[in-house]
Amino acid sequence: MDSLLSQVKELEKARILIDKFKIRLSRVVVDAEDAKVELNGLRASLTILKQWMEEK
């Protein structure tokens, strides 16, 4: 019985660790999406600047 209870406790600890990892991974994905948005904005700004320079 103690062995089964011990296994249940270990599984619960593992589940908590997996949940924490999922949260961290979600943050990485959000950070990557933010970086992508910023890069797209920079690309758009550079395109506008290039067009402006070509007109001058």
PDB file of N, CA and C in Angstrom:
ATOM      1  N   MET A   1       0.826  -1.199   0.000  1.00  0.00           N
ATOM      2  CA  MET A   1       0.000   0.000   0.000  1.00  0.00           C
ATOM      3  C   MET A   1       0.866   1.258   0.000  1.00  0.00           C
ATOM      4  N   ASP A   2       1.920   1.230   0.838  1.00  0.00           N
ATOM      5  CA  ASP A   2       2.821   2.383   0.885  1.00  0.00           C
ATOM      6  C   ASP A   2       3.504   2.594  -0.459  1.00  0.00           C
ATOM      7  N   SER A   3       3.812   1.483  -1.121  1.00  0.00           N
ATOM      8  CA  SER A   3       4.464   1.560  -2.424  1.00  0.00           C
ATOM      9  C   SER A   3       3.541   2.228  -3.432  1.00  0.00           C
ATOM     10  N   LEU A   4       2.274   1.868  -3.415  1.00  0.00           N
ATOM     11  CA  LEU A   4       1.300   2.461  -4.338  1.00  0.00           C
ATOM     12  C   LEU A   4       1.132   3.951  -4.048  1.00  0.00           C
ATOM     13  N   LEU A   5       1.044   4.305  -2.794  1.00  0.00           N
ATOM     14  CA  LEU A   5       0.919   5.708  -2.402  1.00  0.00           C
ATOM     15  C   LEU A   5       2.161   6.494  -2.824  1.00  0.00           C
ATOM     16  N   SER A   6       3.313   5.893  -2.665  1.00  0.00           N
ATOM     17  CA  SER A   6       4.561   6.523  -3.081  1.00  0.00           C
ATOM     18  C   SER A   6       4.572   6.755  -4.593  1.00  0.00           C
ATOM     19  N   GLN A   7       4.106   5.787  -5.361  1.00  0.00           N
ATOM     20  CA  GLN A   7       4.047   5.923  -6.820  1.00  0.00           C
ATOM     21  C   GLN A   7       3.079   7.029  -7.230  1.00  0.00           C
ATOM     22  N   VAL A   8       1.961   7.117  -6.542  1.00  0.00           N
ATOM     23  CA  VAL A   8       0.981   8.167  -6.832  1.00  0.00           C
ATOM     24  C   VAL A   8       1.589   9.540  -6.563  1.00  0.00           C
ATOM     25  N   LYS A   9       2.312   9.664  -5.460  1.00  0.00           N
ATOM     26  CA  LYS A   9       2.966  10.936  -5.137  1.00  0.00           C
ATOM     27  C   LYS A   9       4.008  11.297  -6.185  1.00  0.00           C
ATOM     28  N   GLU A  10       4.779  10.316  -6.650  1.00  0.00           N
ATOM     29  CA  GLU A  10       5.790  10.563  -7.676  1.00  0.00           C
ATOM     30  C   GLU A  10       5.129  10.969  -8.998  1.00  0.00           C
ATOM     31  N   LEU A  11       4.026  10.332  -9.332  1.00  0.00           N
ATOM     32  CA  LEU A  11       3.300  10.696 -10.557  1.00  0.00           C
ATOM     33  C   LEU A  11       2.761  12.117 -10.464  1.00  0.00           C
ATOM     34  N   GLU A  12       2.287  12.498  -9.301  1.00  0.00           N
ATOM     35  CA  GLU A  12       1.787  13.856  -9.097  1.00  0.00           C
ATOM     36  C   GLU A  12       2.919  14.868  -9.252  1.00  0.00           C
ATOM     37  N   LYS A  13       4.095  14.556  -8.697  1.00  0.00           N
ATOM     38  CA  LYS A  13       5.250  15.440  -8.862  1.00  0.00           C
ATOM     39  C   LYS A  13       5.620  15.562 -10.337  1.00  0.00           C
ATOM     40  N   ALA A  14       5.592  14.444 -11.049  1.00  0.00           N
ATOM     41  CA  ALA A  14       5.920  14.458 -12.477  1.00  0.00           C
ATOM     42  C   ALA A  14       4.899  15.293 -13.250  1.00  0.00           C
ATOM     43  N   ARG A  15       3.637  15.174 -12.903  1.00  0.00           N
ATOM     44  CA  ARG A  15       2.594  15.946 -13.582  1.00  0.00           C
ATOM     45  C   ARG A  15       2.806  17.440 -13.366  1.00  0.00           C
ATOM     46  N   ILE A  16       3.164  17.820 -12.158  1.00  0.00           N
ATOM     47  CA  ILE A  16       3.424  19.227 -11.847  1.00  0.00           C
ATOM     48  C   ILE A  16       4.598  19.740 -12.677  1.00  0.00           C
ATOM     49  N   LEU A  17       5.661  18.935 -12.757  1.00  0.00           N
ATOM     50  CA  LEU A  17       6.825  19.335 -13.553  1.00  0.00           C
ATOM     51  C   LEU A  17       6.458  19.484 -15.030  1.00  0.00           C
ATOM     52  N   ILE A  18       5.648  18.571 -15.535  1.00  0.00           N
ATOM     53  CA  ILE A  18       5.206  18.653 -16.935  1.00  0.00           C
ATOM     54  C   ILE A  18       4.384  19.913 -17.155  1.00  0.00           C
ATOM     55  N   ASP A  19       3.499  20.237 -16.222  1.00  0.00           N
ATOM     56  CA  ASP A  19       2.696  21.455 -16.338  1.00  0.00           C
ATOM     57  C   ASP A  19       3.586  22.702 -16.344  1.00  0.00           C
ATOM     58  N   LYS A  20       4.603  22.727 -15.480  1.00  0.00           N
ATOM     59  CA  LYS A  20       5.530  23.862 -15.451  1.00  0.00           C
ATOM     60  C   LYS A  20       6.280  23.973 -16.772  1.00  0.00           C
ATOM     61  N   PHE A  21       6.691  22.840 -17.326  1.00  0.00           N
ATOM     62  CA  PHE A  21       7.397  22.835 -18.605  1.00  0.00           C
ATOM     63  C   PHE A  21       6.491  23.355 -19.718  1.00  0.00           C
ATOM     64  N   LYS A  22       5.217  22.940 -19.697  1.00  0.00           N
ATOM     65  CA  LYS A  22       4.266  23.418 -20.708  1.00  0.00           C
ATOM     66  C   LYS A  22       4.114  24.932 -20.641  1.00  0.00           C
ATOM     67  N   ILE A  23       4.051  25.472 -19.436  1.00  0.00           N
ATOM     68  CA  ILE A  23       3.923  26.923 -19.260  1.00  0.00           C
ATOM     69  C   ILE A  23       5.158  27.622 -19.815  1.00  0.00           C
ATOM     70  N   ARG A  24       6.336  27.101 -19.491  1.00  0.00           N
ATOM     71  CA  ARG A  24       7.572  27.711 -19.997  1.00  0.00           C
ATOM     72  C   ARG A  24       7.627  27.634 -21.517  1.00  0.00           C
ATOM     73  N   LEU A  25       7.235  26.501 -22.062  1.00  0.00           N
ATOM     74  CA  LEU A  25       7.235  26.336 -23.513  1.00  0.00           C
ATOM     75  C   LEU A  25       6.248  27.299 -24.157  1.00  0.00           C
ATOM     76  N   SER A  26       5.112  27.500 -23.535  1.00  0.00           N
ATOM     77  CA  SER A  26       4.132  28.465 -24.049  1.00  0.00           C
ATOM     78  C   SER A  26       4.722  29.871 -24.066  1.00  0.00           C
ATOM     79  N   ARG A  27       5.477  30.208 -23.043  1.00  0.00           N
ATOM     80  CA  ARG A  27       6.121  31.533 -22.990  1.00  0.00           C
ATOM     81  C   ARG A  27       7.133  31.681 -24.119  1.00  0.00           C
ATOM     82  N   VAL A  28       7.875  30.622 -24.408  1.00  0.00           N
ATOM     83  CA  VAL A  28       8.853  30.665 -25.504  1.00  0.00           C
ATOM     84  C   VAL A  28       8.134  30.895 -26.828  1.00  0.00           C
ATOM     85  N   VAL A  29       7.021  30.219 -27.019  1.00  0.00           N
ATOM     86  CA  VAL A  29       6.251  30.384 -28.254  1.00  0.00           C
ATOM     87  C   VAL A  29       5.741  31.822 -28.360  1.00  0.00           C
ATOM     88  N   VAL A  30       5.232  32.364 -27.273  1.00  0.00           N
ATOM     89  CA  VAL A  30       4.744  33.749 -27.273  1.00  0.00           C
ATOM     90  C   VAL A  30       5.891  34.714 -27.569  1.00  0.00           C
ATOM     91  N   ASP A  31       7.043  34.489 -26.946  1.00  0.00           N
ATOM     92  CA  ASP A  31       8.205  35.345 -27.200  1.00  0.00           C
ATOM     93  C   ASP A  31       8.628  35.266 -28.661  1.00  0.00           C
ATOM     94  N   ALA A  32       8.590  34.072 -29.235  1.00  0.00           N
ATOM     95  CA  ALA A  32       8.956  33.907 -30.644  1.00  0.00           C
ATOM     96  C   ALA A  32       7.961  34.632 -31.544  1.00  0.00           C
ATOM     97  N   GLU A  33       6.690  34.560 -31.212  1.00  0.00           N
ATOM     98  CA  GLU A  33       5.671  35.270 -31.992  1.00  0.00           C
ATOM     99  C   GLU A  33       5.871  36.781 -31.890  1.00  0.00           C
ATOM    100  N   ASP A  34       6.188  37.263 -30.690  1.00  0.00           N
ATOM    101  CA  ASP A  34       6.463  38.697 -30.505  1.00  0.00           C
ATOM    102  C   ASP A  34       7.657  39.130 -31.346  1.00  0.00           C
ATOM    103  N   ALA A  35       8.701  38.319 -31.351  1.00  0.00           N
ATOM    104  CA  ALA A  35       9.890  38.638 -32.143  1.00  0.00           C
ATOM    105  C   ALA A  35       9.547  38.663 -33.630  1.00  0.00           C
ATOM    106  N   LYS A  36       8.715  37.746 -34.058  1.00  0.00           N
ATOM    107  CA  LYS A  36       8.300  37.691 -35.470  1.00  0.00           C
ATOM    108  C   LYS A  36       7.542  38.964 -35.844  1.00  0.00           C
ATOM    109  N   VAL A  37       6.653  39.398 -34.972  1.00  0.00           N
ATOM    110  CA  VAL A  37       5.893  40.625 -35.221  1.00  0.00           C
ATOM    111  C   VAL A  37       6.843  41.826 -35.303  1.00  0.00           C
ATOM    112  N   GLU A  38       7.795  41.884 -34.379  1.00  0.00           N
ATOM    113  CA  GLU A  38       8.751  42.990 -34.398  1.00  0.00           C
ATOM    114  C   GLU A  38       9.591  42.977 -35.672  1.00  0.00           C
ATOM    115  N   LEU A  39      10.016  41.793 -36.094  1.00  0.00           N
ATOM    116  CA  LEU A  39      10.804  41.696 -37.331  1.00  0.00           C
ATOM    117  C   LEU A  39       9.980  42.107 -38.545  1.00  0.00           C
ATOM    118  N   ASN A  40       8.719  41.724 -38.568  1.00  0.00           N
ATOM    119  CA  ASN A  40       7.858  42.133 -39.677  1.00  0.00           C
ATOM    120  C   ASN A  40       7.677  43.648 -39.695  1.00  0.00           C
ATOM    121  N   GLY A  41       7.557  44.247 -38.520  1.00  0.00           N
ATOM    122  CA  GLY A  41       7.450  45.702 -38.431  1.00  0.00           C
ATOM    123  C   GLY A  41       8.725  46.380 -38.903  1.00  0.00           C
ATOM    124  N   LEU A  42       9.854  45.818 -38.520  1.00  0.00           N
ATOM    125  CA  LEU A  42      11.138  46.364 -38.966  1.00  0.00           C
ATOM    126  C   LEU A  42      11.278  46.239 -40.476  1.00  0.00           C
ATOM    127  N   ARG A  43      10.888  45.104 -41.013  1.00  0.00           N
ATOM    128  CA  ARG A  43      10.946  44.891 -42.458  1.00  0.00           C
ATOM    129  C   ARG A  43      10.084  45.918 -43.184  1.00  0.00           C
ATOM    130  N   ALA A  44       8.882  46.159 -42.654  1.00  0.00           N
ATOM    131  CA  ALA A  44       7.990  47.149 -43.267  1.00  0.00           C
ATOM    132  C   ALA A  44       8.611  48.543 -43.196  1.00  0.00           C
ATOM    133  N   SER A  45       9.197  48.884 -42.059  1.00  0.00           N
ATOM    134  CA  SER A  45       9.837  50.195 -41.917  1.00  0.00           C
ATOM    135  C   SER A  45      10.999  50.354 -42.892  1.00  0.00           C
ATOM    136  N   LEU A  46      11.785  49.306 -43.046  1.00  0.00           N
ATOM    137  CA  LEU A  46      12.910  49.361 -43.981  1.00  0.00           C
ATOM    138  C   LEU A  46      12.435  49.489 -45.429  1.00  0.00           C
ATOM    139  N   THR A  47      11.343  48.833 -45.753  1.00  0.00           N
ATOM    140  CA  THR A  47      10.783  48.937 -47.103  1.00  0.00           C
ATOM    141  C   THR A  47      10.322  50.362 -47.375  1.00  0.00           C
ATOM    142  N   ILE A  48       9.645  50.960 -46.392  1.00  0.00           N
ATOM    143  CA  ILE A  48       9.185  52.350 -46.536  1.00  0.00           C
ATOM    144  C   ILE A  48      10.391  53.280 -46.681  1.00  0.00           C
ATOM    145  N   LEU A  49      11.416  53.064 -45.859  1.00  0.00           N
ATOM    146  CA  LEU A  49      12.618  53.889 -45.934  1.00  0.00           C
ATOM    147  C   LEU A  49      13.297  53.744 -47.297  1.00  0.00           C
ATOM    148  N   LYS A  50      13.371  52.529 -47.783  1.00  0.00           N
ATOM    149  CA  LYS A  50      13.985  52.284 -49.089  1.00  0.00           C
ATOM    150  C   LYS A  50      13.217  53.012 -50.190  1.00  0.00           C
ATOM    151  N   GLN A  51      11.888  52.920 -50.156  1.00  0.00           N
ATOM    152  CA  GLN A  51      11.070  53.608 -51.160  1.00  0.00           C
ATOM    153  C   GLN A  51      11.270  55.116 -51.073  1.00  0.00           C
ATOM    154  N   TRP A  52      11.324  55.631 -49.857  1.00  0.00           N
ATOM    155  CA  TRP A  52      11.512  57.063 -49.661  1.00  0.00           C
ATOM    156  C   TRP A  52      12.866  57.499 -50.213  1.00  0.00           C
ATOM    157  N   MET A  53      13.909  56.700 -49.969  1.00  0.00           N
ATOM    158  CA  MET A  53      15.261  57.016 -50.454  1.00  0.00           C
ATOM    159  C   MET A  53      15.313  56.971 -51.982  1.00  0.00           C
ATOM    160  N   GLU A  54      14.586  56.032 -52.563  1.00  0.00           N
ATOM    161  CA  GLU A  54      14.570  55.920 -54.021  1.00  0.00           C
ATOM    162  C   GLU A  54      13.862  57.108 -54.664  1.00  0.00           C
ATOM    163  N   GLU A  55      12.877  57.675 -53.965  1.00  0.00           N
ATOM    164  CA  GLU A  55      12.140  58.823 -54.491  1.00  0.00           C
ATOM    165  C   GLU A  55      12.961  60.099 -54.424  1.00  0.00           C
ATOM    166  N   LYS A  56      13.914  60.160 -53.533  1.00  0.00           N
ATOM    167  CA  LYS A  56      14.723  61.376 -53.347  1.00  0.00           C
ATOM    168  C   LYS A  56      15.788  61.511 -54.387  1.00  0.00           C
TER     169      LYS A  56
END
